[in-house]
Every structure is written in structure tokens, then in C-alpha cells.
Amino acid sequence: MYICKYLRFFTESYLIYPVRLYNIKGKRLLSSNYKYYIVDLGLRNILQTNNPVSDLGHKLENVVYF
């Protein structure tokens, strides 16, 4: 409940963008799952950790999305 409110707040303030997941095998959009991409990777680094090379794969996926 509270997480949904935070996600909606961050989405409306354009800090994160929700993307619907796509089922490749069934070739249809999954109705209940979203993946969220953050706009500012610097903000994400500060919130998670100060190590700039940690979780490089997720950071690159975020850059490719934008």
C-alpha cells in the first residue's frame, strides 16, 4: 500500500519511469509487472552506495533505456 503511493509519487514527479514488462515467448505484455528506471543515476548511486562500479549491469540497462 505505502510502496504503491511512493512509486506513484516518484512517477508523477518524473524521478522514475515505469515500463511494462514484455513476455517474449508469449509475445504479450505482462499485465501486473513493471520495471522502474531512475532518471538520475547520481541520485541512485547516493541512495544505494558510494561505490561507482557496483551493480554496473543495472546502471548500463538504465542508460540504454533512456
PDB file of N, CA and C in Angstrom:
ATOM      1  N   MET A   1       0.821  -1.190   0.000  1.00  0.00           N
ATOM      2  CA  MET A   1       0.000   0.000   0.000  1.00  0.00           C
ATOM      3  C   MET A   1       0.864   1.253   0.000  1.00  0.00           C
ATOM      4  N   TYR A   2       1.777   1.359   0.973  1.00  0.00           N
ATOM      5  CA  TYR A   2       2.623   2.554   1.047  1.00  0.00           C
ATOM      6  C   TYR A   2       3.631   2.591  -0.088  1.00  0.00           C
ATOM      7  N   ILE A   3       4.093   1.429  -0.503  1.00  0.00           N
ATOM      8  CA  ILE A   3       5.057   1.381  -1.600  1.00  0.00           C
ATOM      9  C   ILE A   3       4.410   1.870  -2.888  1.00  0.00           C
ATOM     10  N   CYS A   4       3.163   1.514  -3.104  1.00  0.00           N
ATOM     11  CA  CYS A   4       2.442   1.973  -4.294  1.00  0.00           C
ATOM     12  C   CYS A   4       2.306   3.491  -4.297  1.00  0.00           C
ATOM     13  N   LYS A   5       2.067   4.068  -3.134  1.00  0.00           N
ATOM     14  CA  LYS A   5       1.969   5.525  -3.039  1.00  0.00           C
ATOM     15  C   LYS A   5       3.299   6.196  -3.365  1.00  0.00           C
ATOM     16  N   TYR A   6       4.399   5.640  -2.851  1.00  0.00           N
ATOM     17  CA  TYR A   6       5.714   6.193  -3.147  1.00  0.00           C
ATOM     18  C   TYR A   6       6.045   6.059  -4.628  1.00  0.00           C
ATOM     19  N   LEU A   7       5.744   4.911  -5.206  1.00  0.00           N
ATOM     20  CA  LEU A   7       6.013   4.715  -6.627  1.00  0.00           C
ATOM     21  C   LEU A   7       5.198   5.682  -7.470  1.00  0.00           C
ATOM     22  N   ARG A   8       3.944   5.890  -7.111  1.00  0.00           N
ATOM     23  CA  ARG A   8       3.099   6.841  -7.844  1.00  0.00           C
ATOM     24  C   ARG A   8       3.633   8.265  -7.688  1.00  0.00           C
ATOM     25  N   PHE A   9       4.068   8.632  -6.487  1.00  0.00           N
ATOM     26  CA  PHE A   9       4.623   9.964  -6.250  1.00  0.00           C
ATOM     27  C   PHE A   9       5.882  10.183  -7.086  1.00  0.00           C
ATOM     28  N   PHE A  10       6.793   9.213  -7.079  1.00  0.00           N
ATOM     29  CA  PHE A  10       8.033   9.345  -7.847  1.00  0.00           C
ATOM     30  C   PHE A  10       7.760   9.356  -9.345  1.00  0.00           C
ATOM     31  N   THR A  11       6.762   8.615  -9.787  1.00  0.00           N
ATOM     32  CA  THR A  11       6.415   8.602 -11.204  1.00  0.00           C
ATOM     33  C   THR A  11       5.810   9.938 -11.621  1.00  0.00           C
ATOM     34  N   GLU A  12       4.930  10.478 -10.805  1.00  0.00           N
ATOM     35  CA  GLU A  12       4.316  11.770 -11.124  1.00  0.00           C
ATOM     36  C   GLU A  12       5.309  12.920 -11.052  1.00  0.00           C
ATOM     37  N   SER A  13       6.356  12.790 -10.265  1.00  0.00           N
ATOM     38  CA  SER A  13       7.373  13.832 -10.192  1.00  0.00           C
ATOM     39  C   SER A  13       8.511  13.599 -11.185  1.00  0.00           C
ATOM     40  N   TYR A  14       8.362  12.596 -12.050  1.00  0.00           N
ATOM     41  CA  TYR A  14       9.316  12.273 -13.114  1.00  0.00           C
ATOM     42  C   TYR A  14      10.702  11.916 -12.592  1.00  0.00           C
ATOM     43  N   LEU A  15      10.772  11.297 -11.417  1.00  0.00           N
ATOM     44  CA  LEU A  15      12.041  10.788 -10.912  1.00  0.00           C
ATOM     45  C   LEU A  15      12.295   9.360 -11.389  1.00  0.00           C
ATOM     46  N   ILE A  16      11.208   8.618 -11.617  1.00  0.00           N
ATOM     47  CA  ILE A  16      11.326   7.266 -12.152  1.00  0.00           C
ATOM     48  C   ILE A  16      10.316   7.103 -13.282  1.00  0.00           C
ATOM     49  N   TYR A  17      10.601   6.165 -14.166  1.00  0.00           N
ATOM     50  CA  TYR A  17       9.693   5.858 -15.260  1.00  0.00           C
ATOM     51  C   TYR A  17       9.326   4.380 -15.204  1.00  0.00           C
ATOM     52  N   PRO A  18       8.031   4.066 -15.173  1.00  0.00           N
ATOM     53  CA  PRO A  18       7.625   2.661 -15.191  1.00  0.00           C
ATOM     54  C   PRO A  18       7.554   2.146 -16.625  1.00  0.00           C
ATOM     55  N   VAL A  19       7.991   0.914 -16.805  1.00  0.00           N
ATOM     56  CA  VAL A  19       7.941   0.269 -18.116  1.00  0.00           C
ATOM     57  C   VAL A  19       7.280  -1.078 -17.929  1.00  0.00           C
ATOM     58  N   ARG A  20       6.301  -1.370 -18.753  1.00  0.00           N
ATOM     59  CA  ARG A  20       5.631  -2.669 -18.662  1.00  0.00           C
ATOM     60  C   ARG A  20       6.561  -3.743 -19.207  1.00  0.00           C
ATOM     61  N   LEU A  21       6.583  -4.869 -18.535  1.00  0.00           N
ATOM     62  CA  LEU A  21       7.421  -5.973 -18.970  1.00  0.00           C
ATOM     63  C   LEU A  21       6.751  -6.708 -20.126  1.00  0.00           C
ATOM     64  N   TYR A  22       7.564  -7.241 -21.003  1.00  0.00           N
ATOM     65  CA  TYR A  22       7.086  -7.921 -22.197  1.00  0.00           C
ATOM     66  C   TYR A  22       7.483  -9.383 -22.125  1.00  0.00           C
ATOM     67  N   ASN A  23       6.536 -10.253 -22.349  1.00  0.00           N
ATOM     68  CA  ASN A  23       6.781 -11.688 -22.357  1.00  0.00           C
ATOM     69  C   ASN A  23       7.193 -12.082 -23.770  1.00  0.00           C
ATOM     70  N   ILE A  24       8.462 -12.448 -23.952  1.00  0.00           N
ATOM     71  CA  ILE A  24       8.971 -12.756 -25.286  1.00  0.00           C
ATOM     72  C   ILE A  24       8.352 -14.038 -25.835  1.00  0.00           C
ATOM     73  N   LYS A  25       8.237 -15.055 -25.020  1.00  0.00           N
ATOM     74  CA  LYS A  25       7.702 -16.331 -25.512  1.00  0.00           C
ATOM     75  C   LYS A  25       6.224 -16.230 -25.858  1.00  0.00           C
ATOM     76  N   GLY A  26       5.452 -15.572 -25.032  1.00  0.00           N
ATOM     77  CA  GLY A  26       4.025 -15.432 -25.288  1.00  0.00           C
ATOM     78  C   GLY A  26       3.703 -14.241 -26.164  1.00  0.00           C
ATOM     79  N   LYS A  27       4.688 -13.366 -26.372  1.00  0.00           N
ATOM     80  CA  LYS A  27       4.549 -12.160 -27.191  1.00  0.00           C
ATOM     81  C   LYS A  27       3.360 -11.306 -26.764  1.00  0.00           C
ATOM     82  N   ARG A  28       3.295 -11.051 -25.463  1.00  0.00           N
ATOM     83  CA  ARG A  28       2.245 -10.184 -24.950  1.00  0.00           C
ATOM     84  C   ARG A  28       2.792  -9.429 -23.744  1.00  0.00           C
ATOM     85  N   LEU A  29       2.162  -8.314 -23.440  1.00  0.00           N
ATOM     86  CA  LEU A  29       2.570  -7.538 -22.283  1.00  0.00           C
ATOM     87  C   LEU A  29       2.094  -8.221 -21.016  1.00  0.00           C
ATOM     88  N   LEU A  30       2.968  -8.273 -20.025  1.00  0.00           N
ATOM     89  CA  LEU A  30       2.553  -8.798 -18.724  1.00  0.00           C
ATOM     90  C   LEU A  30       1.742  -7.708 -18.031  1.00  0.00           C
ATOM     91  N   SER A  31       0.600  -8.038 -17.532  1.00  0.00           N
ATOM     92  CA  SER A  31      -0.317  -7.012 -17.033  1.00  0.00           C
ATOM     93  C   SER A  31       0.037  -6.508 -15.637  1.00  0.00           C
ATOM     94  N   SER A  32       0.717  -7.300 -14.833  1.00  0.00           N
ATOM     95  CA  SER A  32       0.892  -6.904 -13.446  1.00  0.00           C
ATOM     96  C   SER A  32       2.301  -6.463 -13.089  1.00  0.00           C
ATOM     97  N   ASN A  33       3.266  -6.648 -13.966  1.00  0.00           N
ATOM     98  CA  ASN A  33       4.655  -6.357 -13.602  1.00  0.00           C
ATOM     99  C   ASN A  33       5.177  -5.131 -14.332  1.00  0.00           C
ATOM    100  N   TYR A  34       5.852  -4.292 -13.577  1.00  0.00           N
ATOM    101  CA  TYR A  34       6.509  -3.110 -14.131  1.00  0.00           C
ATOM    102  C   TYR A  34       7.973  -3.143 -13.729  1.00  0.00           C
ATOM    103  N   LYS A  35       8.781  -2.500 -14.523  1.00  0.00           N
ATOM    104  CA  LYS A  35      10.170  -2.290 -14.177  1.00  0.00           C
ATOM    105  C   LYS A  35      10.370  -0.782 -14.147  1.00  0.00           C
ATOM    106  N   TYR A  36      11.076  -0.307 -13.155  1.00  0.00           N
ATOM    107  CA  TYR A  36      11.226   1.131 -12.964  1.00  0.00           C
ATOM    108  C   TYR A  36      12.661   1.548 -13.259  1.00  0.00           C
ATOM    109  N   TYR A  37      12.792   2.642 -14.012  1.00  0.00           N
ATOM    110  CA  TYR A  37      14.093   3.197 -14.342  1.00  0.00           C
ATOM    111  C   TYR A  37      14.190   4.584 -13.733  1.00  0.00           C
ATOM    112  N   ILE A  38      15.311   4.850 -13.080  1.00  0.00           N
ATOM    113  CA  ILE A  38      15.504   6.135 -12.409  1.00  0.00           C
ATOM    114  C   ILE A  38      16.160   7.121 -13.378  1.00  0.00           C
ATOM    115  N   VAL A  39      15.767   8.375 -13.288  1.00  0.00           N
ATOM    116  CA  VAL A  39      16.246   9.388 -14.213  1.00  0.00           C
ATOM    117  C   VAL A  39      17.700   9.751 -13.939  1.00  0.00           C
ATOM    118  N   ASP A  40      18.036   9.963 -12.687  1.00  0.00           N
ATOM    119  CA  ASP A  40      19.369  10.440 -12.314  1.00  0.00           C
ATOM    120  C   ASP A  40      20.171   9.309 -11.681  1.00  0.00           C
ATOM    121  N   LEU A  41      21.182   8.831 -12.388  1.00  0.00           N
ATOM    122  CA  LEU A  41      21.999   7.746 -11.850  1.00  0.00           C
ATOM    123  C   LEU A  41      22.841   8.202 -10.661  1.00  0.00           C
ATOM    124  N   GLY A  42      23.166   9.485 -10.597  1.00  0.00           N
ATOM    125  CA  GLY A  42      23.894  10.004  -9.448  1.00  0.00           C
ATOM    126  C   GLY A  42      23.073   9.883  -8.173  1.00  0.00           C
ATOM    127  N   LEU A  43      21.790  10.170  -8.269  1.00  0.00           N
ATOM    128  CA  LEU A  43      20.892  10.010  -7.121  1.00  0.00           C
ATOM    129  C   LEU A  43      20.806   8.546  -6.711  1.00  0.00           C
ATOM    130  N   ARG A  44      20.762   7.662  -7.679  1.00  0.00           N
ATOM    131  CA  ARG A  44      20.716   6.225  -7.384  1.00  0.00           C
ATOM    132  C   ARG A  44      21.994   5.779  -6.689  1.00  0.00           C
ATOM    133  N   ASN A  45      23.141   6.296  -7.129  1.00  0.00           N
ATOM    134  CA  ASN A  45      24.412   5.940  -6.501  1.00  0.00           C
ATOM    135  C   ASN A  45      24.463   6.379  -5.047  1.00  0.00           C
ATOM    136  N   ILE A  46      23.961   7.555  -4.767  1.00  0.00           N
ATOM    137  CA  ILE A  46      23.981   8.064  -3.398  1.00  0.00           C
ATOM    138  C   ILE A  46      23.043   7.249  -2.509  1.00  0.00           C
ATOM    139  N   LEU A  47      21.877   6.888  -3.039  1.00  0.00           N
ATOM    140  CA  LEU A  47      20.916   6.139  -2.237  1.00  0.00           C
ATOM    141  C   LEU A  47      21.376   4.708  -1.983  1.00  0.00           C
ATOM    142  N   GLN A  48      22.027   4.080  -2.949  1.00  0.00           N
ATOM    143  CA  GLN A  48      22.444   2.694  -2.781  1.00  0.00           C
ATOM    144  C   GLN A  48      23.799   2.593  -2.106  1.00  0.00           C
ATOM    145  N   THR A  49      24.798   3.131  -2.732  1.00  0.00           N
ATOM    146  CA  THR A  49      26.158   3.041  -2.212  1.00  0.00           C
ATOM    147  C   THR A  49      27.008   4.103  -2.881  1.00  0.00           C
ATOM    148  N   ASN A  50      28.147   4.397  -2.316  1.00  0.00           N
ATOM    149  CA  ASN A  50      29.044   5.374  -2.924  1.00  0.00           C
ATOM    150  C   ASN A  50      30.050   4.727  -3.865  1.00  0.00           C
ATOM    151  N   ASN A  51      30.000   3.413  -4.031  1.00  0.00           N
ATOM    152  CA  ASN A  51      30.905   2.711  -4.922  1.00  0.00           C
ATOM    153  C   ASN A  51      30.401   2.851  -6.359  1.00  0.00           C
ATOM    154  N   PRO A  52      31.121   3.551  -7.243  1.00  0.00           N
ATOM    155  CA  PRO A  52      30.602   3.820  -8.585  1.00  0.00           C
ATOM    156  C   PRO A  52      30.552   2.605  -9.502  1.00  0.00           C
ATOM    157  N   VAL A  53      31.300   1.535  -9.205  1.00  0.00           N
ATOM    158  CA  VAL A  53      31.306   0.380 -10.109  1.00  0.00           C
ATOM    159  C   VAL A  53      30.394  -0.744  -9.631  1.00  0.00           C
ATOM    160  N   SER A  54      29.731  -0.582  -8.505  1.00  0.00           N
ATOM    161  CA  SER A  54      28.837  -1.635  -8.031  1.00  0.00           C
ATOM    162  C   SER A  54      27.585  -1.677  -8.899  1.00  0.00           C
ATOM    163  N   ASP A  55      27.137  -2.877  -9.218  1.00  0.00           N
ATOM    164  CA  ASP A  55      25.909  -3.091  -9.965  1.00  0.00           C
ATOM    165  C   ASP A  55      25.942  -2.416 -11.337  1.00  0.00           C
ATOM    166  N   LEU A  56      27.036  -2.616 -12.055  1.00  0.00           N
ATOM    167  CA  LEU A  56      27.250  -1.953 -13.337  1.00  0.00           C
ATOM    168  C   LEU A  56      26.225  -2.374 -14.389  1.00  0.00           C
ATOM    169  N   GLY A  57      25.788  -3.627 -14.355  1.00  0.00           N
ATOM    170  CA  GLY A  57      24.820  -4.103 -15.333  1.00  0.00           C
ATOM    171  C   GLY A  57      23.498  -3.368 -15.267  1.00  0.00           C
ATOM    172  N   HIS A  58      22.991  -3.136 -14.063  1.00  0.00           N
ATOM    173  CA  HIS A  58      21.726  -2.408 -13.923  1.00  0.00           C
ATOM    174  C   HIS A  58      21.880  -0.948 -14.334  1.00  0.00           C
ATOM    175  N   LYS A  59      23.030  -0.373 -14.062  1.00  0.00           N
ATOM    176  CA  LYS A  59      23.258   1.017 -14.470  1.00  0.00           C
ATOM    177  C   LYS A  59      23.295   1.140 -15.989  1.00  0.00           C
ATOM    178  N   LEU A  60      23.953   0.200 -16.644  1.00  0.00           N
ATOM    179  CA  LEU A  60      24.009   0.233 -18.103  1.00  0.00           C
ATOM    180  C   LEU A  60      22.628   0.006 -18.720  1.00  0.00           C
ATOM    181  N   GLU A  61      21.831  -0.868 -18.126  1.00  0.00           N
ATOM    182  CA  GLU A  61      20.474  -1.089 -18.604  1.00  0.00           C
ATOM    183  C   GLU A  61      19.657   0.184 -18.487  1.00  0.00           C
ATOM    184  N   ASN A  62      19.853   0.924 -17.400  1.00  0.00           N
ATOM    185  CA  ASN A  62      19.148   2.187 -17.190  1.00  0.00           C
ATOM    186  C   ASN A  62      19.556   3.207 -18.252  1.00  0.00           C
ATOM    187  N   VAL A  63      20.849   3.281 -18.569  1.00  0.00           N
ATOM    188  CA  VAL A  63      21.351   4.224 -19.580  1.00  0.00           C
ATOM    189  C   VAL A  63      20.799   3.859 -20.948  1.00  0.00           C
ATOM    190  N   VAL A  64      20.764   2.590 -21.277  1.00  0.00           N
ATOM    191  CA  VAL A  64      20.257   2.152 -22.571  1.00  0.00           C
ATOM    192  C   VAL A  64      18.781   2.484 -22.705  1.00  0.00           C
ATOM    193  N   TYR A  65      18.019   2.357 -21.628  1.00  0.00           N
ATOM    194  CA  TYR A  65      16.587   2.689 -21.693  1.00  0.00           C
ATOM    195  C   TYR A  65      16.389   4.148 -22.060  1.00  0.00           C
ATOM    196  N   PHE A  66      17.153   5.035 -21.432  1.00  0.00           N
ATOM    197  CA  PHE A  66      16.991   6.461 -21.722  1.00  0.00           C
ATOM    198  C   PHE A  66      17.684   6.846 -22.994  1.00  0.00           C
TER     199      PHE A  66
END
